[in-house]
Amino acid sequence: MGLEQGIFHRTELLYGQEKMDYIATAKVIIFGIGGVGSWCAESLIRSGIRHLTIVDSDRICITNVNRQLHATTLTVGEVKTDALKKRLLEINPNAEITAIQKIYNAENSDFFKLDEYDYIIDAIDSLRCKIDLIRTATQTSAVFFSSMGAALKVDPTKIQVAEFWKVKGDPLGACIRKVIRRGELPGKKFLCVYGEEVLENKGINKSCGTAKCLCPKDKGAEGDPELANHEWCSLKAAINGSVAHITAIFGFTLAGLVMNDLYQKE
């Protein structure tokens, strides 16, 4: 039994060889590989996806360890895309993983060549960037899936999937719809992972000592000095509590939507 035959033997029993060959040809890109996107990426690679692009500008911070797949006390300070790529290749060395340490925004959206992908997954935190990705991705032929807010939740049974305009009870979804209505609407319908549960923060926000988490001598991807010490914690207007089992379920659900779509296709 060859390496990939062994890795995907149980999956092939369920999907069949012809479908596994089809899955291996699909091209997927994930924007944001934090608490949601990192679990999504691993699930896809373990399910037979071979062509995966992961995009994130951030480095691993000590506060990521409670919920992000690639975040451990040993990887603090590493570029997230590099750390996750290493792990994914340990799962399947034959996978083609493209790691891009870059911030997605309206100005550089052409760089990502979204028309080349079969699936585009949004796990971005930034509202402005998320809205632009929604507008841009839904103009392509790719299947698009998006994650709404995964913070301030503890009950896994309340996580749901719905079409974007039918998402309810999610503050992020409501905010996105409000802004989108003022301008260009999405080019097509798309599914979102969300949850109506919204709890309150009971703890006190404290500094994570981010400066100690970084490696100033390193440079960012492609030698970009602006990304050498990049991190989001100090840039966020508000930081909300989140836990691994919720963010992981969001990520696994996104991966499941991709795999189910592939399974249903002839």
C-alpha atoms as a PDB file:
ATOM      1  CA  MET A   1       0.000   0.000   0.000  1.00  0.00           C
ATOM      2  CA  GLY A   2       1.446   3.353  -1.068  1.00  0.00           C
ATOM      3  CA  LEU A   3       1.712   6.396   1.179  1.00  0.00           C
ATOM      4  CA  GLU A   4      -1.454   8.156   0.025  1.00  0.00           C
ATOM      5  CA  GLN A   5      -3.316   4.851  -0.314  1.00  0.00           C
ATOM      6  CA  GLY A   6      -2.588   4.298   3.355  1.00  0.00           C
ATOM      7  CA  ILE A   7      -3.388   7.841   4.470  1.00  0.00           C
ATOM      8  CA  PHE A   8      -6.742   7.955   2.700  1.00  0.00           C
ATOM      9  CA  HIS A   9      -7.776   4.291   2.923  1.00  0.00           C
ATOM     10  CA  ARG A  10     -10.660   4.970   5.334  1.00  0.00           C
ATOM     11  CA  THR A  11     -11.791   8.006   3.347  1.00  0.00           C
ATOM     12  CA  GLU A  12     -11.710   6.040   0.102  1.00  0.00           C
ATOM     13  CA  LEU A  13     -13.918   3.353   1.652  1.00  0.00           C
ATOM     14  CA  LEU A  14     -16.577   6.039   2.028  1.00  0.00           C
ATOM     15  CA  TYR A  15     -16.030   8.088  -1.115  1.00  0.00           C
ATOM     16  CA  GLY A  16     -14.681   5.543  -3.599  1.00  0.00           C
ATOM     17  CA  GLN A  17     -11.507   5.792  -5.689  1.00  0.00           C
ATOM     18  CA  GLU A  18     -13.031   7.825  -8.526  1.00  0.00           C
ATOM     19  CA  LYS A  19     -14.279  10.489  -6.117  1.00  0.00           C
ATOM     20  CA  MET A  20     -10.936  10.580  -4.297  1.00  0.00           C
ATOM     21  CA  ASP A  21      -9.181  11.236  -7.611  1.00  0.00           C
ATOM     22  CA  TYR A  22     -11.621  14.078  -8.225  1.00  0.00           C
ATOM     23  CA  ILE A  23     -11.069  15.536  -4.741  1.00  0.00           C
ATOM     24  CA  ALA A  24      -7.316  15.505  -5.344  1.00  0.00           C
ATOM     25  CA  THR A  25      -7.750  17.855  -8.323  1.00  0.00           C
ATOM     26  CA  ALA A  26      -9.739  20.530  -6.440  1.00  0.00           C
ATOM     27  CA  LYS A  27      -7.987  23.821  -5.727  1.00  0.00           C
ATOM     28  CA  VAL A  28      -8.869  25.538  -2.446  1.00  0.00           C
ATOM     29  CA  ILE A  29      -7.776  28.829  -0.904  1.00  0.00           C
ATOM     30  CA  ILE A  30      -8.375  29.805   2.723  1.00  0.00           C
ATOM     31  CA  PHE A  31      -8.143  33.404   3.889  1.00  0.00           C
ATOM     32  CA  GLY A  32      -7.332  33.549   7.590  1.00  0.00           C
ATOM     33  CA  ILE A  33      -5.792  30.566   9.380  1.00  0.00           C
ATOM     34  CA  GLY A  34      -6.504  31.429  12.999  1.00  0.00           C
ATOM     35  CA  GLY A  35      -8.911  29.665  15.307  1.00  0.00           C
ATOM     36  CA  VAL A  36     -11.278  28.798  12.445  1.00  0.00           C
ATOM     37  CA  GLY A  37      -9.133  28.611   9.321  1.00  0.00           C
ATOM     38  CA  SER A  38      -6.350  26.452  10.769  1.00  0.00           C
ATOM     39  CA  TRP A  39      -8.735  23.612  11.653  1.00  0.00           C
ATOM     40  CA  CYS A  40     -10.422  23.942   8.282  1.00  0.00           C
ATOM     41  CA  ALA A  41      -7.075  23.574   6.507  1.00  0.00           C
ATOM     42  CA  GLU A  42      -6.085  20.450   8.420  1.00  0.00           C
ATOM     43  CA  SER A  43      -9.460  18.799   7.880  1.00  0.00           C
ATOM     44  CA  LEU A  44      -9.224  19.410   4.126  1.00  0.00           C
ATOM     45  CA  ILE A  45      -5.727  17.950   3.868  1.00  0.00           C
ATOM     46  CA  ARG A  46      -6.734  14.908   5.934  1.00  0.00           C
ATOM     47  CA  SER A  47      -9.733  14.469   3.620  1.00  0.00           C
ATOM     48  CA  GLY A  48      -7.711  14.271   0.412  1.00  0.00           C
ATOM     49  CA  ILE A  49      -7.407  17.867  -0.802  1.00  0.00           C
ATOM     50  CA  ARG A  50      -3.956  18.203  -2.366  1.00  0.00           C
ATOM     51  CA  HIS A  51      -3.938  21.759  -3.716  1.00  0.00           C
ATOM     52  CA  LEU A  52      -4.347  24.227  -0.868  1.00  0.00           C
ATOM     53  CA  THR A  53      -3.364  27.881  -0.517  1.00  0.00           C
ATOM     54  CA  ILE A  54      -3.349  29.406   2.970  1.00  0.00           C
ATOM     55  CA  VAL A  55      -3.285  33.179   3.459  1.00  0.00           C
ATOM     56  CA  ASP A  56      -2.582  35.049   6.688  1.00  0.00           C
ATOM     57  CA  SER A  57      -0.328  37.986   7.579  1.00  0.00           C
ATOM     58  CA  ASP A  58       0.038  37.202  11.272  1.00  0.00           C
ATOM     59  CA  ARG A  59       2.586  35.540  13.515  1.00  0.00           C
ATOM     60  CA  ILE A  60       1.686  33.144  16.302  1.00  0.00           C
ATOM     61  CA  CYS A  61       1.036  34.892  19.610  1.00  0.00           C
ATOM     62  CA  ILE A  62       0.913  33.259  23.050  1.00  0.00           C
ATOM     63  CA  THR A  63      -2.827  34.074  23.225  1.00  0.00           C
ATOM     64  CA  ASN A  64      -3.402  31.922  20.130  1.00  0.00           C
ATOM     65  CA  VAL A  65      -2.408  28.727  21.937  1.00  0.00           C
ATOM     66  CA  ASN A  66      -5.857  28.152  23.479  1.00  0.00           C
ATOM     67  CA  ARG A  67      -7.601  27.649  20.128  1.00  0.00           C
ATOM     68  CA  GLN A  68      -5.378  27.669  17.028  1.00  0.00           C
ATOM     69  CA  LEU A  69      -4.172  24.368  15.624  1.00  0.00           C
ATOM     70  CA  HIS A  70      -0.586  25.375  14.839  1.00  0.00           C
ATOM     71  CA  ALA A  71      -0.129  27.473  17.983  1.00  0.00           C
ATOM     72  CA  THR A  72       1.903  25.857  20.760  1.00  0.00           C
ATOM     73  CA  THR A  73       4.394  27.228  23.257  1.00  0.00           C
ATOM     74  CA  LEU A  74       7.105  26.080  20.822  1.00  0.00           C
ATOM     75  CA  THR A  75       5.732  27.908  17.771  1.00  0.00           C
ATOM     76  CA  VAL A  76       5.077  31.302  19.371  1.00  0.00           C
ATOM     77  CA  GLY A  77       6.653  33.972  17.145  1.00  0.00           C
ATOM     78  CA  GLU A  78       6.583  31.883  13.965  1.00  0.00           C
ATOM     79  CA  VAL A  79       4.797  33.027  10.818  1.00  0.00           C
ATOM     80  CA  LYS A  80       1.387  31.326  10.950  1.00  0.00           C
ATOM     81  CA  THR A  81       1.364  30.247   7.314  1.00  0.00           C
ATOM     82  CA  ASP A  82       4.831  28.694   7.634  1.00  0.00           C
ATOM     83  CA  ALA A  83       3.971  26.827  10.836  1.00  0.00           C
ATOM     84  CA  LEU A  84       0.736  25.452   9.416  1.00  0.00           C
ATOM     85  CA  LYS A  85       2.308  24.489   6.085  1.00  0.00           C
ATOM     86  CA  LYS A  86       4.931  22.450   7.944  1.00  0.00           C
ATOM     87  CA  ARG A  87       2.240  20.594   9.870  1.00  0.00           C
ATOM     88  CA  LEU A  88       0.081  19.947   6.805  1.00  0.00           C
ATOM     89  CA  LEU A  89       3.037  18.500   4.892  1.00  0.00           C
ATOM     90  CA  GLU A  90       3.713  16.164   7.815  1.00  0.00           C
ATOM     91  CA  ILE A  91       0.191  14.831   7.254  1.00  0.00           C
ATOM     92  CA  ASN A  92       0.573  14.445   3.489  1.00  0.00           C
ATOM     93  CA  PRO A  93       4.039  15.183   2.068  1.00  0.00           C
ATOM     94  CA  ASN A  94       2.600  14.962  -1.450  1.00  0.00           C
ATOM     95  CA  ALA A  95       0.206  17.868  -0.918  1.00  0.00           C
ATOM     96  CA  GLU A  96       0.896  21.145  -2.691  1.00  0.00           C
ATOM     97  CA  ILE A  97       0.627  23.810   0.001  1.00  0.00           C
ATOM     98  CA  THR A  98       1.106  27.451  -0.966  1.00  0.00           C
ATOM     99  CA  ALA A  99       1.687  29.634   2.098  1.00  0.00           C
ATOM    100  CA  ILE A 100       1.196  33.371   1.631  1.00  0.00           C
ATOM    101  CA  GLN A 101       2.006  35.765   4.478  1.00  0.00           C
ATOM    102  CA  LYS A 102      -0.043  38.665   3.230  1.00  0.00           C
ATOM    103  CA  ILE A 103      -2.971  40.846   4.249  1.00  0.00           C
ATOM    104  CA  TYR A 104      -5.916  40.464   1.873  1.00  0.00           C
ATOM    105  CA  ASN A 105      -7.570  43.754   0.969  1.00  0.00           C
ATOM    106  CA  ALA A 106      -9.279  45.528  -1.909  1.00  0.00           C
ATOM    107  CA  GLU A 107      -5.993  46.940  -3.164  1.00  0.00           C
ATOM    108  CA  ASN A 108      -4.229  43.587  -3.613  1.00  0.00           C
ATOM    109  CA  SER A 109      -7.130  41.242  -4.382  1.00  0.00           C
ATOM    110  CA  ASP A 110      -5.885  40.658  -7.945  1.00  0.00           C
ATOM    111  CA  PHE A 111      -2.657  39.195  -6.535  1.00  0.00           C
ATOM    112  CA  PHE A 112      -4.515  36.085  -5.338  1.00  0.00           C
ATOM    113  CA  LYS A 113      -5.956  35.137  -8.774  1.00  0.00           C
ATOM    114  CA  LEU A 114      -9.206  33.890  -7.292  1.00  0.00           C
ATOM    115  CA  ASP A 115     -10.490  32.728 -10.675  1.00  0.00           C
ATOM    116  CA  GLU A 116      -7.994  29.858 -10.518  1.00  0.00           C
ATOM    117  CA  TYR A 117      -9.682  28.216  -7.508  1.00  0.00           C
ATOM    118  CA  ASP A 118     -12.602  25.841  -7.187  1.00  0.00           C
ATOM    119  CA  TYR A 119     -13.315  26.831  -3.570  1.00  0.00           C
ATOM    120  CA  ILE A 120     -12.703  30.064  -1.685  1.00  0.00           C
ATOM    121  CA  ILE A 121     -13.040  30.056   2.101  1.00  0.00           C
ATOM    122  CA  ASP A 122     -13.339  33.192   4.215  1.00  0.00           C
ATOM    123  CA  ALA A 123     -12.118  32.988   7.803  1.00  0.00           C
ATOM    124  CA  ILE A 124     -11.003  36.630   8.021  1.00  0.00           C
ATOM    125  CA  ASP A 125     -11.453  38.744  11.172  1.00  0.00           C
ATOM    126  CA  SER A 126     -11.146  42.200   9.621  1.00  0.00           C
ATOM    127  CA  LEU A 127     -14.601  43.530   8.698  1.00  0.00           C
ATOM    128  CA  ARG A 128     -13.402  45.683   5.800  1.00  0.00           C
ATOM    129  CA  CYS A 129     -11.295  42.913   4.271  1.00  0.00           C
ATOM    130  CA  LYS A 130     -14.038  40.347   4.823  1.00  0.00           C
ATOM    131  CA  ILE A 131     -16.621  42.440   3.004  1.00  0.00           C
ATOM    132  CA  ASP A 132     -14.323  43.001   0.044  1.00  0.00           C
ATOM    133  CA  LEU A 133     -13.538  39.279  -0.150  1.00  0.00           C
ATOM    134  CA  ILE A 134     -17.253  38.467  -0.133  1.00  0.00           C
ATOM    135  CA  ARG A 135     -17.880  40.874  -2.984  1.00  0.00           C
ATOM    136  CA  THR A 136     -14.857  39.722  -4.986  1.00  0.00           C
ATOM    137  CA  ALA A 137     -15.125  35.965  -4.414  1.00  0.00           C
ATOM    138  CA  THR A 138     -18.819  35.825  -5.313  1.00  0.00           C
ATOM    139  CA  GLN A 139     -17.997  37.293  -8.718  1.00  0.00           C
ATOM    140  CA  THR A 140     -15.883  34.235  -9.562  1.00  0.00           C
ATOM    141  CA  SER A 141     -16.973  30.755 -10.632  1.00  0.00           C
ATOM    142  CA  ALA A 142     -15.587  29.303  -7.386  1.00  0.00           C
ATOM    143  CA  VAL A 143     -17.826  27.988  -4.615  1.00  0.00           C
ATOM    144  CA  PHE A 144     -17.548  30.401  -1.695  1.00  0.00           C
ATOM    145  CA  PHE A 145     -18.076  29.719   2.016  1.00  0.00           C
ATOM    146  CA  SER A 146     -17.742  32.194   4.887  1.00  0.00           C
ATOM    147  CA  SER A 147     -17.352  32.057   8.656  1.00  0.00           C
ATOM    148  CA  MET A 148     -19.211  34.554  10.799  1.00  0.00           C
ATOM    149  CA  GLY A 149     -18.139  35.350  14.373  1.00  0.00           C
ATOM    150  CA  ALA A 150     -16.894  32.379  16.416  1.00  0.00           C
ATOM    151  CA  ALA A 151     -16.128  34.321  19.598  1.00  0.00           C
ATOM    152  CA  LEU A 152     -18.343  34.636  22.707  1.00  0.00           C
ATOM    153  CA  LYS A 153     -19.779  31.120  22.321  1.00  0.00           C
ATOM    154  CA  VAL A 154     -19.527  27.910  24.356  1.00  0.00           C
ATOM    155  CA  ASP A 155     -22.452  25.743  23.194  1.00  0.00           C
ATOM    156  CA  PRO A 156     -21.481  23.577  20.174  1.00  0.00           C
ATOM    157  CA  THR A 157     -25.100  22.564  19.553  1.00  0.00           C
ATOM    158  CA  LYS A 158     -25.983  26.128  18.571  1.00  0.00           C
ATOM    159  CA  ILE A 159     -23.616  26.309  15.595  1.00  0.00           C
ATOM    160  CA  GLN A 160     -25.522  26.418  12.309  1.00  0.00           C
ATOM    161  CA  VAL A 161     -25.203  26.844   8.540  1.00  0.00           C
ATOM    162  CA  ALA A 162     -27.383  29.162   6.489  1.00  0.00           C
ATOM    163  CA  GLU A 163     -27.338  31.237   3.325  1.00  0.00           C
ATOM    164  CA  PHE A 164     -25.795  34.658   3.968  1.00  0.00           C
ATOM    165  CA  TRP A 165     -29.043  36.649   3.863  1.00  0.00           C
ATOM    166  CA  LYS A 166     -30.732  34.172   6.226  1.00  0.00           C
ATOM    167  CA  VAL A 167     -28.090  34.269   8.978  1.00  0.00           C
ATOM    168  CA  LYS A 168     -29.747  35.532  12.152  1.00  0.00           C
ATOM    169  CA  GLY A 169     -28.663  36.379  15.662  1.00  0.00           C
ATOM    170  CA  ASP A 170     -25.030  36.884  14.648  1.00  0.00           C
ATOM    171  CA  PRO A 171     -23.751  40.463  15.232  1.00  0.00           C
ATOM    172  CA  LEU A 172     -20.956  40.150  12.660  1.00  0.00           C
ATOM    173  CA  GLY A 173     -23.365  38.890  10.006  1.00  0.00           C
ATOM    174  CA  ALA A 174     -25.774  41.736  10.744  1.00  0.00           C
ATOM    175  CA  CYS A 175     -22.988  44.303  10.466  1.00  0.00           C
ATOM    176  CA  ILE A 176     -21.744  42.841   7.186  1.00  0.00           C
ATOM    177  CA  ARG A 177     -25.213  42.848   5.650  1.00  0.00           C
ATOM    178  CA  LYS A 178     -25.754  46.463   6.723  1.00  0.00           C
ATOM    179  CA  VAL A 179     -22.542  47.615   5.040  1.00  0.00           C
ATOM    180  CA  ILE A 180     -23.009  45.471   1.933  1.00  0.00           C
ATOM    181  CA  ARG A 181     -26.479  46.869   1.293  1.00  0.00           C
ATOM    182  CA  ARG A 182     -24.929  50.318   0.924  1.00  0.00           C
ATOM    183  CA  GLY A 183     -22.782  49.252  -2.020  1.00  0.00           C
ATOM    184  CA  GLU A 184     -22.137  46.323  -4.319  1.00  0.00           C
ATOM    185  CA  LEU A 185     -24.125  43.234  -3.407  1.00  0.00           C
ATOM    186  CA  PRO A 186     -22.621  39.711  -3.515  1.00  0.00           C
ATOM    187  CA  GLY A 187     -22.586  38.249  -7.001  1.00  0.00           C
ATOM    188  CA  LYS A 188     -24.296  35.029  -5.877  1.00  0.00           C
ATOM    189  CA  LYS A 189     -25.648  33.241  -2.842  1.00  0.00           C
ATOM    190  CA  PHE A 190     -23.263  31.540  -0.427  1.00  0.00           C
ATOM    191  CA  LEU A 191     -23.390  29.559   2.798  1.00  0.00           C
ATOM    192  CA  CYS A 192     -22.114  30.788   6.157  1.00  0.00           C
ATOM    193  CA  VAL A 193     -21.218  29.067   9.411  1.00  0.00           C
ATOM    194  CA  TYR A 194     -22.582  31.001  12.381  1.00  0.00           C
ATOM    195  CA  GLY A 195     -24.128  30.773  15.832  1.00  0.00           C
ATOM    196  CA  GLU A 196     -26.839  32.809  17.529  1.00  0.00           C
ATOM    197  CA  GLU A 197     -25.231  32.471  20.951  1.00  0.00           C
ATOM    198  CA  VAL A 198     -23.547  35.710  22.049  1.00  0.00           C
ATOM    199  CA  LEU A 199     -22.166  35.721  25.605  1.00  0.00           C
ATOM    200  CA  GLU A 200     -20.443  38.463  27.573  1.00  0.00           C
ATOM    201  CA  ASN A 201     -16.756  38.686  28.374  1.00  0.00           C
ATOM    202  CA  LYS A 202     -16.318  38.018  32.099  1.00  0.00           C
ATOM    203  CA  GLY A 203     -12.556  38.370  32.231  1.00  0.00           C
ATOM    204  CA  ILE A 204     -10.369  41.453  31.934  1.00  0.00           C
ATOM    205  CA  ASN A 205      -8.403  42.217  28.773  1.00  0.00           C
ATOM    206  CA  LYS A 206      -4.698  42.122  29.552  1.00  0.00           C
ATOM    207  CA  SER A 207      -1.619  42.747  27.444  1.00  0.00           C
ATOM    208  CA  CYS A 208      -0.268  39.520  25.980  1.00  0.00           C
ATOM    209  CA  GLY A 209       3.288  40.868  25.933  1.00  0.00           C
ATOM    210  CA  THR A 210       3.259  40.580  22.161  1.00  0.00           C
ATOM    211  CA  ALA A 211       6.665  42.160  21.779  1.00  0.00           C
ATOM    212  CA  LYS A 212       8.136  39.122  23.523  1.00  0.00           C
ATOM    213  CA  CYS A 213       6.283  36.808  21.138  1.00  0.00           C
ATOM    214  CA  LEU A 214       8.047  38.030  18.020  1.00  0.00           C
ATOM    215  CA  CYS A 215      11.424  37.492  16.438  1.00  0.00           C
ATOM    216  CA  PRO A 216      12.567  40.951  15.272  1.00  0.00           C
ATOM    217  CA  LYS A 217      15.488  39.546  13.279  1.00  0.00           C
ATOM    218  CA  ASP A 218      13.157  37.657  10.973  1.00  0.00           C
ATOM    219  CA  LYS A 219      11.577  39.206   7.924  1.00  0.00           C
ATOM    220  CA  GLY A 220       8.097  38.621   6.644  1.00  0.00           C
ATOM    221  CA  ALA A 221       7.211  36.659   3.533  1.00  0.00           C
ATOM    222  CA  GLU A 222       8.948  37.893   0.401  1.00  0.00           C
ATOM    223  CA  GLY A 223      11.195  40.050   2.624  1.00  0.00           C
ATOM    224  CA  ASP A 224       8.417  42.500   3.421  1.00  0.00           C
ATOM    225  CA  PRO A 225       9.690  44.527   6.420  1.00  0.00           C
ATOM    226  CA  GLU A 226       6.130  45.601   7.299  1.00  0.00           C
ATOM    227  CA  LEU A 227       5.277  41.986   8.104  1.00  0.00           C
ATOM    228  CA  ALA A 228       8.441  41.219  10.043  1.00  0.00           C
ATOM    229  CA  ASN A 229       6.780  41.917  13.390  1.00  0.00           C
ATOM    230  CA  HIS A 230       3.180  41.906  12.293  1.00  0.00           C
ATOM    231  CA  GLU A 231       0.473  40.879  14.755  1.00  0.00           C
ATOM    232  CA  TRP A 232      -3.225  41.700  15.090  1.00  0.00           C
ATOM    233  CA  CYS A 233      -3.712  41.796  18.865  1.00  0.00           C
ATOM    234  CA  SER A 234      -2.654  45.415  19.329  1.00  0.00           C
ATOM    235  CA  LEU A 235      -4.644  46.530  16.276  1.00  0.00           C
ATOM    236  CA  LYS A 236      -8.044  45.152  17.263  1.00  0.00           C
ATOM    237  CA  ALA A 237     -10.647  47.564  18.571  1.00  0.00           C
ATOM    238  CA  ALA A 238     -12.017  44.826  20.829  1.00  0.00           C
ATOM    239  CA  ILE A 239     -10.858  41.353  21.795  1.00  0.00           C
ATOM    240  CA  ASN A 240     -13.532  38.797  22.666  1.00  0.00           C
ATOM    241  CA  GLY A 241     -13.175  35.495  24.456  1.00  0.00           C
ATOM    242  CA  SER A 242     -13.131  32.315  22.367  1.00  0.00           C
ATOM    243  CA  VAL A 243     -12.478  28.619  22.911  1.00  0.00           C
ATOM    244  CA  ALA A 244     -11.034  25.779  20.851  1.00  0.00           C
ATOM    245  CA  HIS A 245     -14.084  23.531  20.580  1.00  0.00           C
ATOM    246  CA  ILE A 246     -16.167  26.326  19.043  1.00  0.00           C
ATOM    247  CA  THR A 247     -13.590  27.736  16.626  1.00  0.00           C
ATOM    248  CA  ALA A 248     -12.634  24.199  15.587  1.00  0.00           C
ATOM    249  CA  ILE A 249     -16.260  23.264  14.876  1.00  0.00           C
ATOM    250  CA  PHE A 250     -16.577  26.393  12.742  1.00  0.00           C
ATOM    251  CA  GLY A 251     -13.453  25.344  10.832  1.00  0.00           C
ATOM    252  CA  PHE A 252     -14.470  21.709  10.503  1.00  0.00           C
ATOM    253  CA  THR A 253     -17.907  22.778   9.291  1.00  0.00           C
ATOM    254  CA  LEU A 254     -16.364  24.930   6.565  1.00  0.00           C
ATOM    255  CA  ALA A 255     -14.226  21.977   5.504  1.00  0.00           C
ATOM    256  CA  GLY A 256     -17.309  19.764   5.631  1.00  0.00           C
ATOM    257  CA  LEU A 257     -19.172  22.118   3.296  1.00  0.00           C
ATOM    258  CA  VAL A 258     -16.350  21.803   0.781  1.00  0.00           C
ATOM    259  CA  MET A 259     -16.180  18.023   1.057  1.00  0.00           C
ATOM    260  CA  ASN A 260     -19.955  17.631   0.869  1.00  0.00           C
ATOM    261  CA  ASP A 261     -20.054  19.781  -2.257  1.00  0.00           C
ATOM    262  CA  LEU A 262     -17.367  17.613  -3.836  1.00  0.00           C
ATOM    263  CA  TYR A 263     -19.179  14.456  -2.769  1.00  0.00           C
ATOM    264  CA  GLN A 264     -22.447  15.627  -4.329  1.00  0.00           C
ATOM    265  CA  LYS A 265     -20.894  16.560  -7.663  1.00  0.00           C
ATOM    266  CA  GLU A 266     -20.985  14.053 -10.487  1.00  0.00           C
END
